[in-house]
Amino acid sequence: MIDALPKKISTLCMCFMLAMCLPAEINADTLELSSIEWPPFTGSALPKYGINSQIITQALSYQGHTLAIGILPWNRASRTVKTGQVVGYYPTYYNPSSELLFSEPIGASPIVLIERKSNPIIWDKASDLNHYELGVLKGYINTVEIDDMIANGSQKFETGIDEKQNILKLAAGRIDAIIMDVNVFEYLKSDPQVAKVAPLLQVNPKIVQDKTLHITFNNTQEGKKWCDTVNQGLAQFDVQAMQDALLKPVK
């Protein structure tokens, strides 16, 4: 998924202090996770640090726990887990690994093609995209088929530093389409530079893939404990309904 930021972002930590209102006998604890700038899902400038952060906080609240978040560039966020600095990071797409554990979904991520209205992408199967140059982000997971085509050289692509840069390149005709989450595209329309070019662009009607978002935990005793705790909380409410409600103000 996401090697997102062109500049170093200092670690930001925050705690939701819901546990202070709960009975003292509850064994409250703080889950420390790394995350990234990927609005509207996560971000230091977003209300309560974004949709995914609010969903995780809601899940933890059922057992009186709180959330602490470090906002970092994607490669650093994932590295903090691999080196054991924190127990997990988010948001990630499900990617089975014996070294990692994945929570139940903390959100949904419809992956689409953003294209110019003057140059719609005609495709049926993934290999049809080989006729076009795609804008992608370094380190991001797209789909298995598309990533395999990029790896074997059959897919033309250009790497951007972030989604905003790719949108501006697309509008300028430097690439043919962008692979990205449709909610991220809708959110970025609020950026003044993107707003200027947004009328030139559209979402391709064929969805590339519907994905889910997760927390990735270390496959350790501590990671399993927190993964189970979050999953128990997520089972207490409708995650998709909460995401839909939180998206309304930003669309």
C-alpha atoms as a PDB file:
ATOM      1  CA  MET A   1       0.000   0.000   0.000  1.00  0.00           C
ATOM      2  CA  ILE A   2       1.581   3.262   0.973  1.00  0.00           C
ATOM      3  CA  ASP A   3       4.981   5.040   0.834  1.00  0.00           C
ATOM      4  CA  ALA A   4       3.106   8.252   1.059  1.00  0.00           C
ATOM      5  CA  LEU A   5       4.960  11.373   2.133  1.00  0.00           C
ATOM      6  CA  PRO A   6       7.539  13.510   0.303  1.00  0.00           C
ATOM      7  CA  LYS A   7       8.814  15.003   3.541  1.00  0.00           C
ATOM      8  CA  LYS A   8       9.620  13.630   6.970  1.00  0.00           C
ATOM      9  CA  ILE A   9       6.744  13.829   9.394  1.00  0.00           C
ATOM     10  CA  SER A  10       7.541  13.876  13.064  1.00  0.00           C
ATOM     11  CA  THR A  11       5.791  11.351  15.220  1.00  0.00           C
ATOM     12  CA  LEU A  12       2.514  12.534  16.649  1.00  0.00           C
ATOM     13  CA  CYS A  13       0.963  10.742  19.568  1.00  0.00           C
ATOM     14  CA  MET A  14      -2.515  11.073  20.873  1.00  0.00           C
ATOM     15  CA  CYS A  15      -4.684   9.230  23.334  1.00  0.00           C
ATOM     16  CA  PHE A  16      -8.446   8.988  23.516  1.00  0.00           C
ATOM     17  CA  MET A  17      -9.128   9.102  27.244  1.00  0.00           C
ATOM     18  CA  LEU A  18     -12.444   7.271  27.375  1.00  0.00           C
ATOM     19  CA  ALA A  19     -11.100   4.914  30.014  1.00  0.00           C
ATOM     20  CA  MET A  20     -10.906   7.747  32.562  1.00  0.00           C
ATOM     21  CA  CYS A  21     -14.701   7.664  32.778  1.00  0.00           C
ATOM     22  CA  LEU A  22     -14.865   3.920  33.402  1.00  0.00           C
ATOM     23  CA  PRO A  23     -14.793   2.084  36.738  1.00  0.00           C
ATOM     24  CA  ALA A  24     -11.356   1.754  38.313  1.00  0.00           C
ATOM     25  CA  GLU A  25     -11.554  -2.024  38.466  1.00  0.00           C
ATOM     26  CA  ILE A  26     -11.392  -2.271  34.653  1.00  0.00           C
ATOM     27  CA  ASN A  27      -7.832  -3.030  33.580  1.00  0.00           C
ATOM     28  CA  ALA A  28      -7.452  -0.222  31.035  1.00  0.00           C
ATOM     29  CA  ASP A  29      -4.400  -0.154  28.793  1.00  0.00           C
ATOM     30  CA  THR A  30      -3.132   1.797  25.767  1.00  0.00           C
ATOM     31  CA  LEU A  31      -2.625   0.280  22.322  1.00  0.00           C
ATOM     32  CA  GLU A  32       0.245   2.004  20.515  1.00  0.00           C
ATOM     33  CA  LEU A  33       0.077   1.847  16.717  1.00  0.00           C
ATOM     34  CA  SER A  34       1.862   3.477  13.804  1.00  0.00           C
ATOM     35  CA  SER A  35      -0.140   5.063  11.013  1.00  0.00           C
ATOM     36  CA  ILE A  36       0.252   7.356   8.005  1.00  0.00           C
ATOM     37  CA  GLU A  37      -1.103  10.445   6.275  1.00  0.00           C
ATOM     38  CA  TRP A  38      -3.867   8.925   4.118  1.00  0.00           C
ATOM     39  CA  PRO A  39      -6.987  11.044   4.445  1.00  0.00           C
ATOM     40  CA  PRO A  40      -9.824  10.527   5.003  1.00  0.00           C
ATOM     41  CA  PHE A  41      -8.826   7.241   6.659  1.00  0.00           C
ATOM     42  CA  THR A  42      -5.893   8.490   8.754  1.00  0.00           C
ATOM     43  CA  GLY A  43      -4.018  11.747   9.196  1.00  0.00           C
ATOM     44  CA  SER A  44      -2.704  14.168  11.782  1.00  0.00           C
ATOM     45  CA  ALA A  45      -4.951  17.053  10.648  1.00  0.00           C
ATOM     46  CA  LEU A  46      -8.188  15.028  10.485  1.00  0.00           C
ATOM     47  CA  PRO A  47     -10.889  15.055  13.163  1.00  0.00           C
ATOM     48  CA  LYS A  48      -9.845  12.447  15.758  1.00  0.00           C
ATOM     49  CA  TYR A  49      -7.076  11.355  13.398  1.00  0.00           C
ATOM     50  CA  GLY A  50      -9.350   9.988  10.697  1.00  0.00           C
ATOM     51  CA  ILE A  51     -12.027   7.390  10.069  1.00  0.00           C
ATOM     52  CA  ASN A  52      -9.928   4.288  10.755  1.00  0.00           C
ATOM     53  CA  SER A  53      -8.615   5.814  13.979  1.00  0.00           C
ATOM     54  CA  GLN A  54     -12.145   6.518  15.190  1.00  0.00           C
ATOM     55  CA  ILE A  55     -13.248   2.977  14.360  1.00  0.00           C
ATOM     56  CA  ILE A  56     -10.312   1.471  16.270  1.00  0.00           C
ATOM     57  CA  THR A  57     -10.974   3.795  19.208  1.00  0.00           C
ATOM     58  CA  GLN A  58     -14.604   2.681  19.246  1.00  0.00           C
ATOM     59  CA  ALA A  59     -13.542  -0.990  19.257  1.00  0.00           C
ATOM     60  CA  LEU A  60     -11.086  -0.446  22.119  1.00  0.00           C
ATOM     61  CA  SER A  61     -13.611   1.502  24.195  1.00  0.00           C
ATOM     62  CA  TYR A  62     -15.692  -1.608  24.908  1.00  0.00           C
ATOM     63  CA  GLN A  63     -12.964  -2.872  27.228  1.00  0.00           C
ATOM     64  CA  GLY A  64     -11.871   0.548  28.461  1.00  0.00           C
ATOM     65  CA  HIS A  65      -8.668   0.710  26.428  1.00  0.00           C
ATOM     66  CA  THR A  66      -7.252   3.761  24.661  1.00  0.00           C
ATOM     67  CA  LEU A  67      -5.329   4.372  21.437  1.00  0.00           C
ATOM     68  CA  ALA A  68      -1.972   6.106  20.896  1.00  0.00           C
ATOM     69  CA  ILE A  69      -0.944   6.834  17.301  1.00  0.00           C
ATOM     70  CA  GLY A  70       2.401   7.715  15.711  1.00  0.00           C
ATOM     71  CA  ILE A  71       1.957   9.325  12.263  1.00  0.00           C
ATOM     72  CA  LEU A  72       4.885   8.452   9.989  1.00  0.00           C
ATOM     73  CA  PRO A  73       5.753   7.927   6.316  1.00  0.00           C
ATOM     74  CA  TRP A  74       4.555   4.484   5.215  1.00  0.00           C
ATOM     75  CA  ASN A  75       7.960   2.775   4.988  1.00  0.00           C
ATOM     76  CA  ARG A  76       8.830   3.984   8.497  1.00  0.00           C
ATOM     77  CA  ALA A  77       5.410   3.055   9.892  1.00  0.00           C
ATOM     78  CA  SER A  78       5.738  -0.534   8.693  1.00  0.00           C
ATOM     79  CA  ARG A  79       9.351  -0.691   9.882  1.00  0.00           C
ATOM     80  CA  THR A  80       8.387   0.239  13.446  1.00  0.00           C
ATOM     81  CA  VAL A  81       6.387  -2.988  13.583  1.00  0.00           C
ATOM     82  CA  LYS A  82       9.068  -5.149  11.991  1.00  0.00           C
ATOM     83  CA  THR A  83      11.626  -3.842  14.484  1.00  0.00           C
ATOM     84  CA  GLY A  84       9.261  -4.267  17.428  1.00  0.00           C
ATOM     85  CA  GLN A  85       9.016  -0.546  18.301  1.00  0.00           C
ATOM     86  CA  VAL A  86       5.222  -0.816  18.218  1.00  0.00           C
ATOM     87  CA  VAL A  87       2.921  -3.816  18.096  1.00  0.00           C
ATOM     88  CA  GLY A  88       1.024  -2.832  14.939  1.00  0.00           C
ATOM     89  CA  TYR A  89       0.297  -0.355  12.156  1.00  0.00           C
ATOM     90  CA  TYR A  90      -2.649   0.597   9.955  1.00  0.00           C
ATOM     91  CA  PRO A  91      -4.345   0.863   7.537  1.00  0.00           C
ATOM     92  CA  THR A  92      -3.189  -2.101   5.480  1.00  0.00           C
ATOM     93  CA  TYR A  93      -4.765  -4.391   2.928  1.00  0.00           C
ATOM     94  CA  TYR A  94      -5.052  -8.044   3.851  1.00  0.00           C
ATOM     95  CA  ASN A  95      -1.853  -9.787   2.760  1.00  0.00           C
ATOM     96  CA  PRO A  96      -1.399 -13.153   4.530  1.00  0.00           C
ATOM     97  CA  SER A  97       1.974 -13.681   6.181  1.00  0.00           C
ATOM     98  CA  SER A  98       3.284 -16.074   8.817  1.00  0.00           C
ATOM     99  CA  GLU A  99       5.091 -13.145  10.444  1.00  0.00           C
ATOM    100  CA  LEU A 100       2.034 -10.911  10.769  1.00  0.00           C
ATOM    101  CA  LEU A 101      -1.517 -10.969  12.120  1.00  0.00           C
ATOM    102  CA  PHE A 102      -4.415  -9.050  10.581  1.00  0.00           C
ATOM    103  CA  SER A 103      -7.368  -7.657  12.467  1.00  0.00           C
ATOM    104  CA  GLU A 104     -10.917  -7.937  11.236  1.00  0.00           C
ATOM    105  CA  PRO A 105     -11.768  -5.076   8.812  1.00  0.00           C
ATOM    106  CA  ILE A 106     -11.530  -1.539  10.186  1.00  0.00           C
ATOM    107  CA  GLY A 107     -12.946  -0.112   6.954  1.00  0.00           C
ATOM    108  CA  ALA A 108     -13.598  -0.692   3.264  1.00  0.00           C
ATOM    109  CA  SER A 109     -11.480   0.500   0.348  1.00  0.00           C
ATOM    110  CA  PRO A 110     -12.938   0.404  -3.193  1.00  0.00           C
ATOM    111  CA  ILE A 111      -9.976   0.522  -5.593  1.00  0.00           C
ATOM    112  CA  VAL A 112     -10.793   2.259  -8.890  1.00  0.00           C
ATOM    113  CA  LEU A 113      -9.183   3.871 -11.906  1.00  0.00           C
ATOM    114  CA  ILE A 114      -9.277   7.661 -12.102  1.00  0.00           C
ATOM    115  CA  GLU A 115      -9.161   8.771 -15.744  1.00  0.00           C
ATOM    116  CA  ARG A 116      -9.520  11.858 -17.899  1.00  0.00           C
ATOM    117  CA  LYS A 117     -13.014  12.378 -19.262  1.00  0.00           C
ATOM    118  CA  SER A 118     -11.446  12.947 -22.666  1.00  0.00           C
ATOM    119  CA  ASN A 119      -9.587   9.618 -22.522  1.00  0.00           C
ATOM    120  CA  PRO A 120     -11.728   6.931 -20.839  1.00  0.00           C
ATOM    121  CA  ILE A 121     -10.025   3.622 -20.135  1.00  0.00           C
ATOM    122  CA  ILE A 122     -11.610   0.671 -21.958  1.00  0.00           C
ATOM    123  CA  TRP A 123     -10.838  -2.581 -20.207  1.00  0.00           C
ATOM    124  CA  ASP A 124     -12.324  -5.918 -19.267  1.00  0.00           C
ATOM    125  CA  LYS A 125      -9.449  -7.886 -17.728  1.00  0.00           C
ATOM    126  CA  ALA A 126      -6.321  -6.666 -15.975  1.00  0.00           C
ATOM    127  CA  SER A 127      -4.034  -7.351 -18.949  1.00  0.00           C
ATOM    128  CA  ASP A 128      -6.046  -4.814 -20.986  1.00  0.00           C
ATOM    129  CA  LEU A 129      -4.456  -2.132 -18.815  1.00  0.00           C
ATOM    130  CA  ASN A 130      -1.081  -2.887 -20.424  1.00  0.00           C
ATOM    131  CA  HIS A 131      -2.121  -0.508 -23.213  1.00  0.00           C
ATOM    132  CA  TYR A 132      -2.131   2.390 -20.756  1.00  0.00           C
ATOM    133  CA  GLU A 133       0.412   4.018 -18.461  1.00  0.00           C
ATOM    134  CA  LEU A 134      -0.794   3.864 -14.858  1.00  0.00           C
ATOM    135  CA  GLY A 135       0.083   6.143 -11.986  1.00  0.00           C
ATOM    136  CA  VAL A 136       0.968   4.207  -8.835  1.00  0.00           C
ATOM    137  CA  LEU A 137       2.684   4.902  -5.526  1.00  0.00           C
ATOM    138  CA  LYS A 138       5.944   3.292  -4.461  1.00  0.00           C
ATOM    139  CA  GLY A 139       5.421   0.596  -1.860  1.00  0.00           C
ATOM    140  CA  TYR A 140       1.636   0.514  -2.210  1.00  0.00           C
ATOM    141  CA  ILE A 141      -0.171  -2.754  -2.808  1.00  0.00           C
ATOM    142  CA  ASN A 142      -2.552  -2.436  -5.762  1.00  0.00           C
ATOM    143  CA  THR A 143      -3.933  -5.831  -6.808  1.00  0.00           C
ATOM    144  CA  VAL A 144      -2.088  -9.114  -7.194  1.00  0.00           C
ATOM    145  CA  GLU A 145      -2.558  -9.101 -10.981  1.00  0.00           C
ATOM    146  CA  ILE A 146      -1.535  -5.492 -11.493  1.00  0.00           C
ATOM    147  CA  ASP A 147       1.448  -5.748  -9.145  1.00  0.00           C
ATOM    148  CA  ASP A 148       2.589  -8.923 -10.919  1.00  0.00           C
ATOM    149  CA  MET A 149       2.356  -7.142 -14.297  1.00  0.00           C
ATOM    150  CA  ILE A 150       4.378  -4.219 -12.935  1.00  0.00           C
ATOM    151  CA  ALA A 151       6.975  -6.641 -11.556  1.00  0.00           C
ATOM    152  CA  ASN A 152       7.358  -8.577 -14.828  1.00  0.00           C
ATOM    153  CA  GLY A 153       7.525  -5.431 -16.950  1.00  0.00           C
ATOM    154  CA  SER A 154       4.327  -5.920 -18.940  1.00  0.00           C
ATOM    155  CA  GLN A 155       2.522  -2.991 -17.309  1.00  0.00           C
ATOM    156  CA  LYS A 156       3.581   0.571 -18.091  1.00  0.00           C
ATOM    157  CA  PHE A 157       3.584   2.709 -14.965  1.00  0.00           C
ATOM    158  CA  GLU A 158       4.949   5.849 -13.384  1.00  0.00           C
ATOM    159  CA  THR A 159       5.530   6.222  -9.661  1.00  0.00           C
ATOM    160  CA  GLY A 160       4.288   9.304  -7.827  1.00  0.00           C
ATOM    161  CA  ILE A 161       5.203  10.635  -4.404  1.00  0.00           C
ATOM    162  CA  ASP A 162       1.546  10.848  -3.358  1.00  0.00           C
ATOM    163  CA  GLU A 163      -1.980  10.716  -4.764  1.00  0.00           C
ATOM    164  CA  LYS A 164      -2.184  14.477  -5.244  1.00  0.00           C
ATOM    165  CA  GLN A 165       0.869  14.468  -7.497  1.00  0.00           C
ATOM    166  CA  ASN A 166      -0.591  11.609  -9.527  1.00  0.00           C
ATOM    167  CA  ILE A 167      -3.885  13.465  -9.941  1.00  0.00           C
ATOM    168  CA  LEU A 168      -2.084  16.548 -11.258  1.00  0.00           C
ATOM    169  CA  LYS A 169      -0.004  14.412 -13.634  1.00  0.00           C
ATOM    170  CA  LEU A 170      -3.136  12.696 -14.901  1.00  0.00           C
ATOM    171  CA  ALA A 171      -4.875  16.009 -15.548  1.00  0.00           C
ATOM    172  CA  ALA A 172      -1.783  17.224 -17.441  1.00  0.00           C
ATOM    173  CA  GLY A 173      -1.846  14.131 -19.675  1.00  0.00           C
ATOM    174  CA  ARG A 174       1.428  12.677 -18.391  1.00  0.00           C
ATOM    175  CA  ILE A 175      -0.221   9.356 -17.427  1.00  0.00           C
ATOM    176  CA  ASP A 176      -3.420   7.656 -18.578  1.00  0.00           C
ATOM    177  CA  ALA A 177      -5.017   6.641 -15.277  1.00  0.00           C
ATOM    178  CA  ILE A 178      -4.412   6.341 -11.532  1.00  0.00           C
ATOM    179  CA  ILE A 179      -5.098   3.354  -9.308  1.00  0.00           C
ATOM    180  CA  MET A 180      -6.451   4.633  -5.999  1.00  0.00           C
ATOM    181  CA  ASP A 181      -9.160   4.412  -3.362  1.00  0.00           C
ATOM    182  CA  VAL A 182     -12.259   6.266  -4.523  1.00  0.00           C
ATOM    183  CA  ASN A 183     -12.771   7.806  -1.059  1.00  0.00           C
ATOM    184  CA  VAL A 184      -9.263   9.263  -1.129  1.00  0.00           C
ATOM    185  CA  PHE A 185      -9.986  10.788  -4.543  1.00  0.00           C
ATOM    186  CA  GLU A 186     -13.228  12.331  -3.308  1.00  0.00           C
ATOM    187  CA  TYR A 187     -11.487  13.724  -0.244  1.00  0.00           C
ATOM    188  CA  LEU A 188      -8.640  15.254  -2.253  1.00  0.00           C
ATOM    189  CA  LYS A 189     -11.112  17.251  -4.323  1.00  0.00           C
ATOM    190  CA  SER A 190     -11.149  19.660  -1.373  1.00  0.00           C
ATOM    191  CA  ASP A 191      -7.505  20.544  -2.112  1.00  0.00           C
ATOM    192  CA  PRO A 192      -7.377  23.813  -4.111  1.00  0.00           C
ATOM    193  CA  GLN A 193      -5.003  22.457  -6.783  1.00  0.00           C
ATOM    194  CA  VAL A 194      -6.976  19.262  -7.211  1.00  0.00           C
ATOM    195  CA  ALA A 195     -10.260  21.191  -7.279  1.00  0.00           C
ATOM    196  CA  LYS A 196      -9.046  23.115 -10.330  1.00  0.00           C
ATOM    197  CA  VAL A 197      -8.462  19.961 -12.371  1.00  0.00           C
ATOM    198  CA  ALA A 198     -11.196  17.717 -10.912  1.00  0.00           C
ATOM    199  CA  PRO A 199     -13.741  18.698 -13.636  1.00  0.00           C
ATOM    200  CA  LEU A 200     -11.398  17.095 -16.183  1.00  0.00           C
ATOM    201  CA  LEU A 201     -11.405  13.750 -14.375  1.00  0.00           C
ATOM    202  CA  GLN A 202     -13.818  10.939 -13.585  1.00  0.00           C
ATOM    203  CA  VAL A 203     -13.976   7.530 -11.929  1.00  0.00           C
ATOM    204  CA  ASN A 204     -13.910   4.638 -14.369  1.00  0.00           C
ATOM    205  CA  PRO A 205     -17.192   2.710 -13.970  1.00  0.00           C
ATOM    206  CA  LYS A 206     -15.487  -0.680 -13.585  1.00  0.00           C
ATOM    207  CA  ILE A 207     -14.203  -1.247 -10.042  1.00  0.00           C
ATOM    208  CA  VAL A 208     -10.702  -2.687  -9.951  1.00  0.00           C
ATOM    209  CA  GLN A 209     -11.197  -4.417  -6.594  1.00  0.00           C
ATOM    210  CA  ASP A 210     -13.170  -3.995  -3.385  1.00  0.00           C
ATOM    211  CA  LYS A 211     -10.696  -4.305  -0.540  1.00  0.00           C
ATOM    212  CA  THR A 212     -10.869  -4.163   3.222  1.00  0.00           C
ATOM    213  CA  LEU A 213      -8.588  -2.250   5.568  1.00  0.00           C
ATOM    214  CA  HIS A 214      -6.952  -3.824   8.615  1.00  0.00           C
ATOM    215  CA  ILE A 215      -4.494  -3.362  11.453  1.00  0.00           C
ATOM    216  CA  THR A 216      -1.345  -5.428  10.958  1.00  0.00           C
ATOM    217  CA  PHE A 217       0.102  -6.814  14.186  1.00  0.00           C
ATOM    218  CA  ASN A 218       3.330  -8.587  15.006  1.00  0.00           C
ATOM    219  CA  ASN A 219       2.768 -12.322  15.278  1.00  0.00           C
ATOM    220  CA  THR A 220       3.810 -12.356  18.921  1.00  0.00           C
ATOM    221  CA  GLN A 221       1.984 -12.978  22.189  1.00  0.00           C
ATOM    222  CA  GLU A 222       1.494  -9.217  22.587  1.00  0.00           C
ATOM    223  CA  GLY A 223       0.331  -8.849  18.988  1.00  0.00           C
ATOM    224  CA  LYS A 224      -2.151 -11.682  19.335  1.00  0.00           C
ATOM    225  CA  LYS A 225      -3.518 -10.218  22.577  1.00  0.00           C
ATOM    226  CA  TRP A 226      -4.214  -6.858  20.966  1.00  0.00           C
ATOM    227  CA  CYS A 227      -5.506  -8.375  17.735  1.00  0.00           C
ATOM    228  CA  ASP A 228      -8.029 -10.417  19.735  1.00  0.00           C
ATOM    229  CA  THR A 229      -8.976  -7.369  21.825  1.00  0.00           C
ATOM    230  CA  VAL A 230      -9.616  -5.197  18.766  1.00  0.00           C
ATOM    231  CA  ASN A 231     -11.560  -7.972  17.033  1.00  0.00           C
ATOM    232  CA  GLN A 232     -13.803  -8.421  20.057  1.00  0.00           C
ATOM    233  CA  GLY A 233     -14.584  -4.723  19.979  1.00  0.00           C
ATOM    234  CA  LEU A 234     -15.167  -4.608  16.219  1.00  0.00           C
ATOM    235  CA  ALA A 235     -17.761  -7.364  16.608  1.00  0.00           C
ATOM    236  CA  GLN A 236     -19.838  -5.058  18.814  1.00  0.00           C
ATOM    237  CA  PHE A 237     -20.846  -2.593  16.067  1.00  0.00           C
ATOM    238  CA  ASP A 238     -21.343  -2.176  12.315  1.00  0.00           C
ATOM    239  CA  VAL A 239     -17.971  -0.976  11.014  1.00  0.00           C
ATOM    240  CA  GLN A 240     -19.228  -0.251   7.494  1.00  0.00           C
ATOM    241  CA  ALA A 241     -22.141   1.811   8.818  1.00  0.00           C
ATOM    242  CA  MET A 242     -19.747   3.850  10.957  1.00  0.00           C
ATOM    243  CA  GLN A 243     -17.420   4.435   7.989  1.00  0.00           C
ATOM    244  CA  ASP A 244     -20.345   5.518   5.807  1.00  0.00           C
ATOM    245  CA  ALA A 245     -21.531   7.953   8.464  1.00  0.00           C
ATOM    246  CA  LEU A 246     -18.052   9.426   8.949  1.00  0.00           C
ATOM    247  CA  LEU A 247     -17.513   9.827   5.201  1.00  0.00           C
ATOM    248  CA  LYS A 248     -20.581  11.995   4.690  1.00  0.00           C
ATOM    249  CA  PRO A 249     -19.055  15.277   5.896  1.00  0.00           C
ATOM    250  CA  VAL A 250     -15.972  14.927   3.692  1.00  0.00           C
ATOM    251  CA  LYS A 251     -17.613  13.983   0.409  1.00  0.00           C
END
